[in-house]
Amino acid sequence: CLNCHASDVQRGGVNLEDYASAFQLRQEIRSEVGADRMPRRAPPLSPELKELLFAWIDRDAPEL
């Protein structure tokens, strides 16, 4: 995610470099990744990575 969504890049104006930003966008992240719209310039995430990401979101995205 940070290849395109870090503080020095922010494609689409999205910065996921800090927890607060990622937390606010967690449902949008789920939607975009689930529909294979993200990542745009790379292969879709593997089913295992999607499962891990969605499990984090389903647990209300606790700070790690």
N, C-alpha and C. Protein backbone atom coordinates (compact mmCIF):
# COMPACT_ATOMS: atom_id res chain seq x y z
N CYS A 1 0.82 -1.20 0.00
CA CYS A 1 0.00 0.00 0.00
C CYS A 1 0.86 1.26 0.00
N LEU A 2 1.96 1.20 0.74
CA LEU A 2 2.76 2.41 0.92
C LEU A 2 3.56 2.80 -0.32
N ASN A 3 3.67 1.93 -1.30
CA ASN A 3 4.32 2.34 -2.55
C ASN A 3 3.56 3.48 -3.20
N CYS A 4 2.26 3.50 -3.01
CA CYS A 4 1.43 4.55 -3.62
C CYS A 4 0.77 5.47 -2.59
N HIS A 5 0.69 5.04 -1.34
CA HIS A 5 -0.08 5.79 -0.34
C HIS A 5 0.73 6.11 0.91
N ALA A 6 1.93 6.66 0.70
CA ALA A 6 2.77 7.12 1.80
C ALA A 6 2.80 8.65 1.78
N SER A 7 3.38 9.24 2.79
CA SER A 7 3.38 10.70 2.90
C SER A 7 4.08 11.39 1.73
N ASP A 8 5.05 10.73 1.12
CA ASP A 8 5.77 11.37 0.01
C ASP A 8 5.13 11.12 -1.34
N VAL A 9 4.12 10.26 -1.43
CA VAL A 9 3.48 9.94 -2.71
C VAL A 9 2.02 10.36 -2.70
N GLN A 10 1.21 9.77 -1.85
CA GLN A 10 -0.21 10.07 -1.64
C GLN A 10 -1.04 10.07 -2.91
N ARG A 11 -0.97 9.01 -3.70
CA ARG A 11 -1.84 8.92 -4.88
C ARG A 11 -3.29 9.01 -4.42
N GLY A 12 -4.05 9.77 -5.16
CA GLY A 12 -5.44 9.97 -4.81
C GLY A 12 -5.62 10.74 -3.52
N GLY A 13 -4.55 11.37 -3.04
CA GLY A 13 -4.62 12.12 -1.80
C GLY A 13 -4.71 11.24 -0.56
N VAL A 14 -4.39 9.95 -0.72
CA VAL A 14 -4.51 9.00 0.39
C VAL A 14 -3.14 8.68 0.95
N ASN A 15 -2.99 8.89 2.26
CA ASN A 15 -1.76 8.56 2.97
C ASN A 15 -2.11 7.52 4.03
N LEU A 16 -1.57 6.31 3.86
CA LEU A 16 -1.83 5.24 4.81
C LEU A 16 -0.64 4.98 5.72
N GLU A 17 0.24 5.95 5.79
CA GLU A 17 1.46 5.77 6.56
C GLU A 17 1.24 5.80 8.07
N ASP A 18 0.15 6.39 8.50
CA ASP A 18 -0.10 6.41 9.94
C ASP A 18 -1.42 5.70 10.25
N TYR A 19 -1.50 5.20 11.45
CA TYR A 19 -2.64 4.40 11.88
C TYR A 19 -3.96 5.16 11.76
N ALA A 20 -4.00 6.40 12.18
CA ALA A 20 -5.26 7.17 12.17
C ALA A 20 -5.84 7.26 10.77
N SER A 21 -5.00 7.48 9.78
CA SER A 21 -5.48 7.56 8.39
C SER A 21 -6.01 6.22 7.92
N ALA A 22 -5.27 5.15 8.18
CA ALA A 22 -5.71 3.82 7.77
C ALA A 22 -7.01 3.44 8.47
N PHE A 23 -7.13 3.79 9.75
CA PHE A 23 -8.34 3.47 10.50
C PHE A 23 -9.55 4.16 9.89
N GLN A 24 -9.42 5.42 9.56
CA GLN A 24 -10.54 6.17 8.98
C GLN A 24 -10.98 5.60 7.63
N LEU A 25 -10.06 5.02 6.90
CA LEU A 25 -10.35 4.52 5.55
C LEU A 25 -10.55 3.01 5.50
N ARG A 26 -10.67 2.35 6.64
CA ARG A 26 -10.67 0.89 6.67
C ARG A 26 -11.77 0.27 5.81
N GLN A 27 -12.97 0.82 5.80
CA GLN A 27 -14.04 0.23 4.99
C GLN A 27 -13.81 0.48 3.50
N GLU A 28 -13.29 1.64 3.17
CA GLU A 28 -12.96 1.93 1.77
C GLU A 28 -11.82 1.00 1.31
N ILE A 29 -10.85 0.78 2.16
CA ILE A 29 -9.76 -0.14 1.84
C ILE A 29 -10.34 -1.52 1.56
N ARG A 30 -11.21 -1.98 2.42
CA ARG A 30 -11.83 -3.30 2.23
C ARG A 30 -12.57 -3.37 0.90
N SER A 31 -13.32 -2.35 0.58
CA SER A 31 -14.08 -2.34 -0.66
C SER A 31 -13.16 -2.37 -1.88
N GLU A 32 -12.15 -1.52 -1.88
CA GLU A 32 -11.24 -1.43 -3.03
C GLU A 32 -10.42 -2.70 -3.20
N VAL A 33 -9.90 -3.23 -2.11
CA VAL A 33 -9.10 -4.46 -2.18
C VAL A 33 -10.00 -5.65 -2.53
N GLY A 34 -11.17 -5.70 -1.93
CA GLY A 34 -12.10 -6.81 -2.18
C GLY A 34 -12.56 -6.88 -3.62
N ALA A 35 -12.67 -5.74 -4.27
CA ALA A 35 -13.08 -5.68 -5.68
C ALA A 35 -11.88 -5.73 -6.63
N ASP A 36 -10.70 -5.97 -6.08
CA ASP A 36 -9.45 -6.00 -6.87
C ASP A 36 -9.18 -4.70 -7.63
N ARG A 37 -9.66 -3.58 -7.07
CA ARG A 37 -9.33 -2.27 -7.65
C ARG A 37 -8.04 -1.72 -7.07
N MET A 38 -7.61 -2.29 -5.96
CA MET A 38 -6.35 -1.93 -5.34
C MET A 38 -5.59 -3.21 -5.06
N PRO A 39 -4.34 -3.24 -5.25
CA PRO A 39 -3.50 -2.18 -5.81
C PRO A 39 -3.71 -2.06 -7.32
N ARG A 40 -3.63 -0.85 -7.81
CA ARG A 40 -3.88 -0.60 -9.23
C ARG A 40 -2.72 -0.99 -10.12
N ARG A 41 -1.53 -0.73 -9.70
CA ARG A 41 -0.35 -0.95 -10.55
C ARG A 41 0.44 -2.19 -10.14
N ALA A 42 -0.27 -3.14 -9.58
CA ALA A 42 0.36 -4.39 -9.13
C ALA A 42 -0.70 -5.49 -9.17
N PRO A 43 -0.28 -6.73 -9.13
CA PRO A 43 -1.26 -7.83 -9.09
C PRO A 43 -2.14 -7.72 -7.85
N PRO A 44 -3.35 -8.25 -7.91
CA PRO A 44 -4.22 -8.24 -6.73
C PRO A 44 -3.55 -8.96 -5.56
N LEU A 45 -3.97 -8.62 -4.37
CA LEU A 45 -3.45 -9.31 -3.19
C LEU A 45 -3.86 -10.77 -3.23
N SER A 46 -3.04 -11.62 -2.67
CA SER A 46 -3.36 -13.04 -2.59
C SER A 46 -4.57 -13.22 -1.67
N PRO A 47 -5.28 -14.33 -1.84
CA PRO A 47 -6.41 -14.59 -0.93
C PRO A 47 -5.98 -14.57 0.54
N GLU A 48 -4.78 -15.05 0.82
CA GLU A 48 -4.30 -15.08 2.21
C GLU A 48 -4.09 -13.67 2.76
N LEU A 49 -3.52 -12.79 1.95
CA LEU A 49 -3.32 -11.40 2.40
C LEU A 49 -4.64 -10.67 2.55
N LYS A 50 -5.57 -10.93 1.63
CA LYS A 50 -6.90 -10.33 1.76
C LYS A 50 -7.56 -10.79 3.05
N GLU A 51 -7.47 -12.08 3.33
CA GLU A 51 -8.07 -12.63 4.55
C GLU A 51 -7.48 -11.96 5.80
N LEU A 52 -6.17 -11.78 5.81
CA LEU A 52 -5.51 -11.14 6.94
C LEU A 52 -5.96 -9.68 7.08
N LEU A 53 -6.01 -8.96 5.98
CA LEU A 53 -6.45 -7.56 6.00
C LEU A 53 -7.90 -7.44 6.45
N PHE A 54 -8.77 -8.27 5.89
CA PHE A 54 -10.19 -8.21 6.24
C PHE A 54 -10.43 -8.62 7.69
N ALA A 55 -9.65 -9.57 8.19
CA ALA A 55 -9.78 -9.96 9.60
C ALA A 55 -9.43 -8.79 10.51
N TRP A 56 -8.39 -8.04 10.14
CA TRP A 56 -8.00 -6.86 10.91
C TRP A 56 -9.14 -5.83 10.90
N ILE A 57 -9.72 -5.60 9.74
CA ILE A 57 -10.82 -4.64 9.63
C ILE A 57 -12.03 -5.14 10.43
N ASP A 58 -12.34 -6.42 10.33
CA ASP A 58 -13.48 -6.99 11.04
C ASP A 58 -13.33 -6.89 12.56
N ARG A 59 -12.09 -6.86 13.04
CA ARG A 59 -11.84 -6.69 14.49
C ARG A 59 -11.82 -5.21 14.85
N ASP A 60 -12.38 -4.36 14.00
CA ASP A 60 -12.42 -2.91 14.18
C ASP A 60 -11.02 -2.30 14.12
N ALA A 61 -10.15 -2.92 13.33
CA ALA A 61 -8.84 -2.37 12.99
C ALA A 61 -8.02 -1.94 14.21
N PRO A 62 -7.72 -2.88 15.11
CA PRO A 62 -6.92 -2.49 16.29
C PRO A 62 -5.54 -2.03 15.89
N GLU A 63 -5.00 -1.09 16.63
CA GLU A 63 -3.65 -0.62 16.37
C GLU A 63 -2.67 -1.72 16.73
N LEU A 64 -1.77 -2.00 15.84
CA LEU A 64 -0.81 -3.09 16.06
C LEU A 64 0.49 -2.57 16.61
